[in-house]
Amino acid sequence: MVAARRCFDGQVPLSDMTRLQGLVADTEGQCSYALEFGRDDDMQVAYVELTVDTELPLVCQRSLQRFLLPVSLKQRLGLIRDEAEESALPPEYEALLVPEDGNLRPLELVEDELVLAVPVVPLSPGSEAVEKDWFATEEELNKANPFAALAALKKQ
């Protein structure tokens, strides 16, 4: 694929991505992707350039409402045979370890990038931060301090 500079593109439903299902609110929607194989002219590094466009349905952790997070990314992955080759990659490349059989699974690459694109704490654009001071209740204030005994020992 690298020598022929092959290109592949298509669409895949989000419901086909099993590892992504636990991270999103639901699996409605499509993902458009494109893969372009090639070799870097300067350093002769084999690569695949991955382009992904979709909207991920997430739940905002402020409002608990469903929202669509637009994801549009372009990633250049340097194809390596063993981990020792990773240090020779240019800084703008991410390493992709090619399996022993030499077969890449394009949809797994797309799903990997989407899993990495999901934020740890999804927040809907435009949702307002909750600015509130939480004061201790009277019960919490009257509760015995577990370190009070240590303070008494320290005074002796």
N, C-alpha and C. Protein backbone atom coordinates (compact mmCIF):
# COMPACT_ATOMS: atom_id res chain seq x y z
N MET A 1 0.82 -1.19 0.00
CA MET A 1 0.00 0.00 0.00
C MET A 1 0.87 1.26 0.00
N VAL A 2 1.98 1.20 0.72
CA VAL A 2 2.87 2.36 0.81
C VAL A 2 3.50 2.65 -0.55
N ALA A 3 4.03 1.60 -1.20
CA ALA A 3 4.70 1.79 -2.49
C ALA A 3 3.72 2.29 -3.55
N ALA A 4 2.49 1.84 -3.50
CA ALA A 4 1.48 2.24 -4.48
C ALA A 4 0.78 3.54 -4.10
N ARG A 5 1.09 4.08 -2.92
CA ARG A 5 0.45 5.30 -2.42
C ARG A 5 -1.07 5.20 -2.50
N ARG A 6 -1.60 4.13 -1.94
CA ARG A 6 -3.04 3.85 -1.99
C ARG A 6 -3.80 4.75 -1.03
N CYS A 7 -5.04 5.03 -1.38
CA CYS A 7 -5.95 5.82 -0.56
C CYS A 7 -7.26 5.06 -0.39
N PHE A 8 -7.80 5.12 0.79
CA PHE A 8 -9.09 4.51 1.10
C PHE A 8 -9.92 5.52 1.85
N ASP A 9 -11.20 5.54 1.57
CA ASP A 9 -12.09 6.40 2.35
C ASP A 9 -13.46 5.75 2.43
N GLY A 10 -14.25 6.24 3.36
CA GLY A 10 -15.58 5.68 3.52
C GLY A 10 -16.25 6.23 4.76
N GLN A 11 -17.37 5.59 5.08
CA GLN A 11 -18.13 5.94 6.27
C GLN A 11 -18.45 4.66 7.02
N VAL A 12 -18.51 4.78 8.33
CA VAL A 12 -18.83 3.64 9.18
C VAL A 12 -19.77 4.13 10.28
N PRO A 13 -20.81 3.36 10.59
CA PRO A 13 -21.68 3.76 11.70
C PRO A 13 -20.95 3.64 13.04
N LEU A 14 -21.25 4.55 13.94
CA LEU A 14 -20.64 4.50 15.27
C LEU A 14 -21.02 3.21 16.00
N SER A 15 -22.14 2.62 15.64
CA SER A 15 -22.59 1.39 16.29
C SER A 15 -21.68 0.20 15.98
N ASP A 16 -20.87 0.29 14.93
CA ASP A 16 -19.94 -0.79 14.59
C ASP A 16 -18.66 -0.76 15.44
N MET A 17 -18.47 0.30 16.20
CA MET A 17 -17.26 0.46 17.00
C MET A 17 -17.53 0.02 18.43
N THR A 18 -17.18 -1.21 18.76
CA THR A 18 -17.54 -1.79 20.06
C THR A 18 -16.77 -1.15 21.22
N ARG A 19 -15.51 -0.79 21.02
CA ARG A 19 -14.74 -0.20 22.12
C ARG A 19 -15.19 1.22 22.42
N LEU A 20 -15.79 1.89 21.47
CA LEU A 20 -16.26 3.26 21.65
C LEU A 20 -17.61 3.29 22.36
N GLN A 21 -18.36 2.21 22.30
CA GLN A 21 -19.74 2.20 22.81
C GLN A 21 -19.84 2.54 24.29
N GLY A 22 -18.92 2.14 25.11
CA GLY A 22 -18.98 2.44 26.53
C GLY A 22 -18.60 3.87 26.88
N LEU A 23 -18.07 4.62 25.92
CA LEU A 23 -17.60 5.98 26.19
C LEU A 23 -18.56 7.07 25.72
N VAL A 24 -19.54 6.70 24.89
CA VAL A 24 -20.46 7.67 24.32
C VAL A 24 -21.86 7.45 24.87
N ALA A 25 -22.72 8.47 24.72
CA ALA A 25 -24.08 8.38 25.23
C ALA A 25 -24.89 7.35 24.46
N ASP A 26 -24.71 7.32 23.16
CA ASP A 26 -25.38 6.34 22.30
C ASP A 26 -24.54 6.18 21.04
N THR A 27 -24.96 5.32 20.15
CA THR A 27 -24.15 5.06 18.95
C THR A 27 -24.85 5.51 17.68
N GLU A 28 -25.64 6.57 17.79
CA GLU A 28 -26.28 7.13 16.61
C GLU A 28 -25.27 8.00 15.86
N GLY A 29 -25.22 7.84 14.57
CA GLY A 29 -24.35 8.69 13.76
C GLY A 29 -23.37 7.91 12.93
N GLN A 30 -22.70 8.63 12.07
CA GLN A 30 -21.73 8.08 11.14
C GLN A 30 -20.37 8.73 11.37
N CYS A 31 -19.34 8.04 10.94
CA CYS A 31 -17.98 8.57 10.98
C CYS A 31 -17.40 8.48 9.58
N SER A 32 -16.92 9.60 9.07
CA SER A 32 -16.24 9.62 7.78
C SER A 32 -14.75 9.51 8.02
N TYR A 33 -14.08 8.72 7.20
CA TYR A 33 -12.64 8.54 7.39
C TYR A 33 -11.95 8.45 6.03
N ALA A 34 -10.66 8.71 6.05
CA ALA A 34 -9.81 8.55 4.87
C ALA A 34 -8.43 8.12 5.34
N LEU A 35 -7.85 7.16 4.63
CA LEU A 35 -6.49 6.71 4.90
C LEU A 35 -5.68 6.89 3.64
N GLU A 36 -4.52 7.49 3.79
CA GLU A 36 -3.63 7.71 2.65
C GLU A 36 -2.25 7.16 3.01
N PHE A 37 -1.81 6.17 2.28
CA PHE A 37 -0.50 5.57 2.51
C PHE A 37 0.55 6.29 1.67
N GLY A 38 1.76 6.35 2.18
CA GLY A 38 2.83 6.99 1.43
C GLY A 38 4.17 6.82 2.11
N ARG A 39 5.16 7.48 1.53
CA ARG A 39 6.52 7.47 2.08
C ARG A 39 7.01 8.90 2.10
N ASP A 40 7.57 9.32 3.21
CA ASP A 40 8.10 10.66 3.39
C ASP A 40 9.23 10.89 2.40
N ASP A 41 9.21 12.02 1.71
CA ASP A 41 10.24 12.30 0.70
C ASP A 41 11.62 12.53 1.31
N ASP A 42 11.68 13.16 2.47
CA ASP A 42 12.97 13.49 3.07
C ASP A 42 13.61 12.31 3.78
N MET A 43 12.86 11.65 4.67
CA MET A 43 13.45 10.61 5.51
C MET A 43 13.07 9.20 5.08
N GLN A 44 12.26 9.08 4.03
CA GLN A 44 11.84 7.78 3.51
C GLN A 44 11.11 6.93 4.57
N VAL A 45 10.31 7.59 5.40
CA VAL A 45 9.53 6.91 6.43
C VAL A 45 8.18 6.52 5.84
N ALA A 46 7.83 5.24 5.96
CA ALA A 46 6.51 4.78 5.52
C ALA A 46 5.47 5.28 6.52
N TYR A 47 4.35 5.78 6.00
CA TYR A 47 3.33 6.32 6.88
C TYR A 47 1.93 6.05 6.34
N VAL A 48 0.96 6.22 7.20
CA VAL A 48 -0.44 6.28 6.81
C VAL A 48 -1.00 7.55 7.45
N GLU A 49 -1.64 8.37 6.62
CA GLU A 49 -2.25 9.60 7.12
C GLU A 49 -3.74 9.34 7.28
N LEU A 50 -4.21 9.53 8.48
CA LEU A 50 -5.58 9.21 8.84
C LEU A 50 -6.35 10.50 9.07
N THR A 51 -7.50 10.63 8.39
CA THR A 51 -8.38 11.77 8.56
C THR A 51 -9.73 11.25 9.04
N VAL A 52 -10.24 11.82 10.11
CA VAL A 52 -11.50 11.37 10.71
C VAL A 52 -12.38 12.58 10.96
N ASP A 53 -13.66 12.48 10.55
CA ASP A 53 -14.65 13.52 10.81
C ASP A 53 -15.93 12.87 11.30
N THR A 54 -16.40 13.31 12.46
CA THR A 54 -17.64 12.78 13.02
C THR A 54 -18.13 13.71 14.12
N GLU A 55 -19.26 13.36 14.70
CA GLU A 55 -19.78 14.01 15.89
C GLU A 55 -20.08 12.92 16.89
N LEU A 56 -19.43 12.98 18.04
CA LEU A 56 -19.61 11.97 19.08
C LEU A 56 -20.71 12.40 20.05
N PRO A 57 -21.71 11.55 20.25
CA PRO A 57 -22.77 11.87 21.22
C PRO A 57 -22.28 11.60 22.65
N LEU A 58 -22.19 12.65 23.45
CA LEU A 58 -21.69 12.53 24.82
C LEU A 58 -22.71 13.11 25.80
N VAL A 59 -22.50 12.86 27.07
CA VAL A 59 -23.34 13.43 28.12
C VAL A 59 -22.51 14.48 28.86
N CYS A 60 -23.01 15.71 28.87
CA CYS A 60 -22.33 16.81 29.56
C CYS A 60 -22.36 16.52 31.07
N GLN A 61 -21.23 16.64 31.72
CA GLN A 61 -21.14 16.36 33.14
C GLN A 61 -21.57 17.54 34.00
N ARG A 62 -21.91 18.66 33.38
CA ARG A 62 -22.47 19.79 34.13
C ARG A 62 -24.00 19.75 34.11
N SER A 63 -24.54 19.56 32.90
CA SER A 63 -25.99 19.62 32.74
C SER A 63 -26.65 18.24 32.64
N LEU A 64 -25.85 17.19 32.45
CA LEU A 64 -26.33 15.82 32.24
C LEU A 64 -27.23 15.70 31.01
N GLN A 65 -26.99 16.58 30.04
CA GLN A 65 -27.73 16.56 28.78
C GLN A 65 -26.83 15.99 27.68
N ARG A 66 -27.45 15.33 26.71
CA ARG A 66 -26.72 14.80 25.56
C ARG A 66 -26.31 15.96 24.66
N PHE A 67 -25.10 15.90 24.13
CA PHE A 67 -24.64 16.88 23.15
C PHE A 67 -23.72 16.18 22.16
N LEU A 68 -23.50 16.81 21.02
CA LEU A 68 -22.64 16.25 19.99
C LEU A 68 -21.30 16.99 19.99
N LEU A 69 -20.23 16.24 20.20
CA LEU A 69 -18.88 16.80 20.19
C LEU A 69 -18.31 16.63 18.79
N PRO A 70 -18.08 17.73 18.06
CA PRO A 70 -17.49 17.58 16.73
C PRO A 70 -16.03 17.14 16.82
N VAL A 71 -15.68 16.11 16.06
CA VAL A 71 -14.31 15.61 16.03
C VAL A 71 -13.84 15.65 14.59
N SER A 72 -12.79 16.39 14.36
CA SER A 72 -12.16 16.48 13.04
C SER A 72 -10.66 16.42 13.27
N LEU A 73 -10.06 15.31 12.90
CA LEU A 73 -8.63 15.17 13.16
C LEU A 73 -7.90 14.61 11.95
N LYS A 74 -6.64 14.94 11.92
CA LYS A 74 -5.74 14.45 10.88
C LYS A 74 -4.47 14.01 11.59
N GLN A 75 -4.13 12.74 11.45
CA GLN A 75 -3.00 12.17 12.18
C GLN A 75 -2.10 11.42 11.21
N ARG A 76 -0.81 11.67 11.28
CA ARG A 76 0.15 10.93 10.46
C ARG A 76 0.83 9.90 11.34
N LEU A 77 0.66 8.64 10.96
CA LEU A 77 1.19 7.52 11.73
C LEU A 77 2.37 6.90 10.99
N GLY A 78 3.53 6.89 11.61
CA GLY A 78 4.71 6.27 11.02
C GLY A 78 4.65 4.76 11.23
N LEU A 79 4.76 4.00 10.16
CA LEU A 79 4.66 2.54 10.23
C LEU A 79 6.01 1.95 10.62
N ILE A 80 6.03 1.25 11.76
CA ILE A 80 7.27 0.64 12.24
C ILE A 80 7.06 -0.84 12.46
N ARG A 81 8.15 -1.61 12.36
CA ARG A 81 8.08 -3.07 12.55
C ARG A 81 8.39 -3.49 13.98
N ASP A 82 9.25 -2.72 14.68
CA ASP A 82 9.51 -3.00 16.09
C ASP A 82 9.69 -1.67 16.83
N GLU A 83 9.61 -1.73 18.13
CA GLU A 83 9.60 -0.52 18.96
C GLU A 83 10.91 0.25 18.89
N ALA A 84 11.99 -0.38 18.51
CA ALA A 84 13.28 0.30 18.42
C ALA A 84 13.27 1.35 17.30
N GLU A 85 12.44 1.17 16.29
CA GLU A 85 12.36 2.12 15.17
C GLU A 85 11.64 3.41 15.54
N GLU A 86 10.94 3.42 16.66
CA GLU A 86 10.14 4.58 17.03
C GLU A 86 10.99 5.83 17.22
N SER A 87 12.17 5.68 17.77
CA SER A 87 13.03 6.84 18.01
C SER A 87 13.51 7.51 16.73
N ALA A 88 13.48 6.79 15.60
CA ALA A 88 13.92 7.35 14.33
C ALA A 88 12.83 8.14 13.62
N LEU A 89 11.61 8.10 14.15
CA LEU A 89 10.51 8.82 13.51
C LEU A 89 10.64 10.32 13.74
N PRO A 90 10.26 11.12 12.75
CA PRO A 90 10.23 12.58 12.96
C PRO A 90 9.23 12.93 14.07
N PRO A 91 9.40 14.07 14.71
CA PRO A 91 8.55 14.41 15.86
C PRO A 91 7.07 14.55 15.53
N GLU A 92 6.71 14.90 14.30
CA GLU A 92 5.30 15.09 13.95
C GLU A 92 4.57 13.77 13.66
N TYR A 93 5.26 12.66 13.73
CA TYR A 93 4.68 11.35 13.48
C TYR A 93 4.36 10.64 14.79
N GLU A 94 3.25 9.94 14.81
CA GLU A 94 2.94 9.01 15.89
C GLU A 94 3.33 7.62 15.40
N ALA A 95 3.84 6.80 16.28
CA ALA A 95 4.27 5.46 15.88
C ALA A 95 3.07 4.52 15.80
N LEU A 96 3.08 3.67 14.78
CA LEU A 96 2.08 2.61 14.63
C LEU A 96 2.83 1.32 14.37
N LEU A 97 2.77 0.42 15.33
CA LEU A 97 3.44 -0.87 15.23
C LEU A 97 2.64 -1.76 14.29
N VAL A 98 3.24 -2.15 13.19
CA VAL A 98 2.58 -2.99 12.19
C VAL A 98 2.61 -4.43 12.68
N PRO A 99 1.47 -5.13 12.64
CA PRO A 99 1.45 -6.53 13.09
C PRO A 99 2.38 -7.41 12.25
N GLU A 100 2.72 -8.58 12.79
CA GLU A 100 3.62 -9.52 12.11
C GLU A 100 3.16 -9.84 10.69
N ASP A 101 1.83 -10.01 10.51
CA ASP A 101 1.32 -10.39 9.19
C ASP A 101 1.31 -9.22 8.21
N GLY A 102 1.59 -7.99 8.69
CA GLY A 102 1.65 -6.83 7.83
C GLY A 102 0.29 -6.24 7.49
N ASN A 103 -0.78 -6.80 8.02
CA ASN A 103 -2.13 -6.32 7.71
C ASN A 103 -2.59 -5.30 8.74
N LEU A 104 -2.96 -4.12 8.26
CA LEU A 104 -3.55 -3.11 9.12
C LEU A 104 -5.07 -3.20 8.99
N ARG A 105 -5.76 -2.94 10.05
CA ARG A 105 -7.21 -2.93 10.04
C ARG A 105 -7.67 -1.48 10.14
N PRO A 106 -8.07 -0.90 9.02
CA PRO A 106 -8.39 0.55 8.99
C PRO A 106 -9.43 0.97 10.02
N LEU A 107 -10.47 0.19 10.20
CA LEU A 107 -11.52 0.60 11.14
C LEU A 107 -11.02 0.59 12.58
N GLU A 108 -10.06 -0.28 12.89
CA GLU A 108 -9.46 -0.26 14.23
C GLU A 108 -8.65 1.01 14.44
N LEU A 109 -7.96 1.48 13.39
CA LEU A 109 -7.21 2.74 13.50
C LEU A 109 -8.16 3.90 13.74
N VAL A 110 -9.28 3.92 13.01
CA VAL A 110 -10.27 4.98 13.17
C VAL A 110 -10.84 4.94 14.59
N GLU A 111 -11.19 3.75 15.05
CA GLU A 111 -11.76 3.62 16.38
C GLU A 111 -10.75 4.02 17.46
N ASP A 112 -9.49 3.67 17.29
CA ASP A 112 -8.45 4.07 18.25
C ASP A 112 -8.40 5.59 18.39
N GLU A 113 -8.42 6.29 17.27
CA GLU A 113 -8.34 7.75 17.31
C GLU A 113 -9.59 8.36 17.95
N LEU A 114 -10.75 7.77 17.71
CA LEU A 114 -11.98 8.28 18.32
C LEU A 114 -11.99 8.04 19.82
N VAL A 115 -11.50 6.89 20.25
CA VAL A 115 -11.41 6.62 21.69
C VAL A 115 -10.50 7.65 22.36
N LEU A 116 -9.39 7.99 21.71
CA LEU A 116 -8.48 8.99 22.26
C LEU A 116 -9.08 10.40 22.23
N ALA A 117 -10.04 10.65 21.33
CA ALA A 117 -10.64 11.98 21.21
C ALA A 117 -11.72 12.24 22.26
N VAL A 118 -12.21 11.20 22.91
CA VAL A 118 -13.26 11.39 23.93
C VAL A 118 -12.63 12.04 25.16
N PRO A 119 -13.15 13.19 25.60
CA PRO A 119 -12.58 13.84 26.78
C PRO A 119 -12.86 13.04 28.05
N VAL A 120 -11.99 13.19 29.04
CA VAL A 120 -12.16 12.50 30.31
C VAL A 120 -13.44 12.98 30.99
N VAL A 121 -13.67 14.28 30.96
CA VAL A 121 -14.89 14.87 31.52
C VAL A 121 -15.57 15.66 30.41
N PRO A 122 -16.57 15.08 29.76
CA PRO A 122 -17.25 15.78 28.66
C PRO A 122 -18.04 16.98 29.17
N LEU A 123 -17.81 18.13 28.58
CA LEU A 123 -18.53 19.35 28.91
C LEU A 123 -19.07 19.96 27.64
N SER A 124 -20.36 20.20 27.63
CA SER A 124 -21.01 20.79 26.47
C SER A 124 -20.54 22.22 26.29
N PRO A 125 -20.22 22.60 25.05
CA PRO A 125 -19.85 24.01 24.82
C PRO A 125 -21.04 24.90 25.19
N GLY A 126 -20.77 25.95 25.92
CA GLY A 126 -21.83 26.86 26.32
C GLY A 126 -22.44 26.53 27.67
N SER A 127 -22.13 25.38 28.26
CA SER A 127 -22.66 25.09 29.59
C SER A 127 -21.88 25.92 30.60
N GLU A 128 -22.59 26.39 31.60
CA GLU A 128 -21.95 27.28 32.57
C GLU A 128 -21.41 26.49 33.74
N ALA A 129 -20.29 26.93 34.23
CA ALA A 129 -19.68 26.29 35.40
C ALA A 129 -20.52 26.59 36.63
N VAL A 130 -20.58 25.64 37.52
CA VAL A 130 -21.32 25.83 38.76
C VAL A 130 -20.37 26.44 39.79
N GLU A 131 -20.61 27.67 40.11
CA GLU A 131 -19.78 28.38 41.08
C GLU A 131 -20.58 28.46 42.37
N LYS A 132 -20.29 27.61 43.30
CA LYS A 132 -21.03 27.59 44.56
C LYS A 132 -20.08 27.17 45.66
N ASP A 133 -20.20 27.85 46.78
CA ASP A 133 -19.44 27.46 47.95
C ASP A 133 -20.27 26.47 48.75
N TRP A 134 -19.69 25.36 49.09
CA TRP A 134 -20.38 24.34 49.87
C TRP A 134 -19.88 24.43 51.30
N PHE A 135 -20.77 24.80 52.20
CA PHE A 135 -20.40 24.98 53.60
C PHE A 135 -20.65 23.69 54.36
N ALA A 136 -19.85 23.47 55.38
CA ALA A 136 -20.01 22.28 56.22
C ALA A 136 -21.29 22.41 57.05
N THR A 137 -21.97 21.29 57.21
CA THR A 137 -23.18 21.28 58.03
C THR A 137 -22.78 21.33 59.50
N GLU A 138 -23.76 21.62 60.37
CA GLU A 138 -23.50 21.68 61.80
C GLU A 138 -23.04 20.33 62.33
N GLU A 139 -23.61 19.28 61.78
CA GLU A 139 -23.22 17.92 62.19
C GLU A 139 -21.75 17.66 61.87
N GLU A 140 -21.31 18.11 60.72
CA GLU A 140 -19.90 17.92 60.33
C GLU A 140 -18.98 18.75 61.21
N LEU A 141 -19.43 19.95 61.57
CA LEU A 141 -18.61 20.82 62.41
C LEU A 141 -18.48 20.27 63.82
N ASN A 142 -19.56 19.65 64.34
CA ASN A 142 -19.55 19.12 65.70
C ASN A 142 -18.90 17.75 65.81
N LYS A 143 -18.64 17.12 64.69
CA LYS A 143 -18.04 15.78 64.70
C LYS A 143 -16.62 15.87 65.28
N ALA A 144 -16.27 14.90 66.08
CA ALA A 144 -14.95 14.90 66.74
C ALA A 144 -13.85 14.80 65.68
N ASN A 145 -12.84 15.61 65.86
CA ASN A 145 -11.70 15.59 64.97
C ASN A 145 -10.83 14.37 65.31
N PRO A 146 -10.51 13.51 64.35
CA PRO A 146 -9.71 12.32 64.66
C PRO A 146 -8.28 12.66 65.10
N PHE A 147 -7.83 13.87 64.84
CA PHE A 147 -6.47 14.24 65.21
C PHE A 147 -6.41 15.01 66.53
N ALA A 148 -7.57 15.20 67.16
CA ALA A 148 -7.60 15.93 68.43
C ALA A 148 -6.78 15.21 69.50
N ALA A 149 -6.85 13.89 69.51
CA ALA A 149 -6.07 13.11 70.50
C ALA A 149 -4.58 13.30 70.26
N LEU A 150 -4.17 13.36 69.03
CA LEU A 150 -2.75 13.58 68.73
C LEU A 150 -2.29 14.96 69.17
N ALA A 151 -3.15 15.96 69.02
CA ALA A 151 -2.80 17.32 69.45
C ALA A 151 -2.61 17.35 70.96
N ALA A 152 -3.45 16.60 71.68
CA ALA A 152 -3.32 16.56 73.15
C ALA A 152 -2.00 15.89 73.55
N LEU A 153 -1.59 14.84 72.84
CA LEU A 153 -0.33 14.16 73.13
C LEU A 153 0.86 15.08 72.82
N LYS A 154 0.73 15.88 71.80
CA LYS A 154 1.81 16.76 71.38
C LYS A 154 2.08 17.82 72.46
N LYS A 155 1.02 18.27 73.17
CA LYS A 155 1.19 19.29 74.20
C LYS A 155 1.89 18.73 75.43
N GLN A 156 1.86 17.41 75.64
CA GLN A 156 2.48 16.83 76.83
C GLN A 156 3.93 16.79 76.64
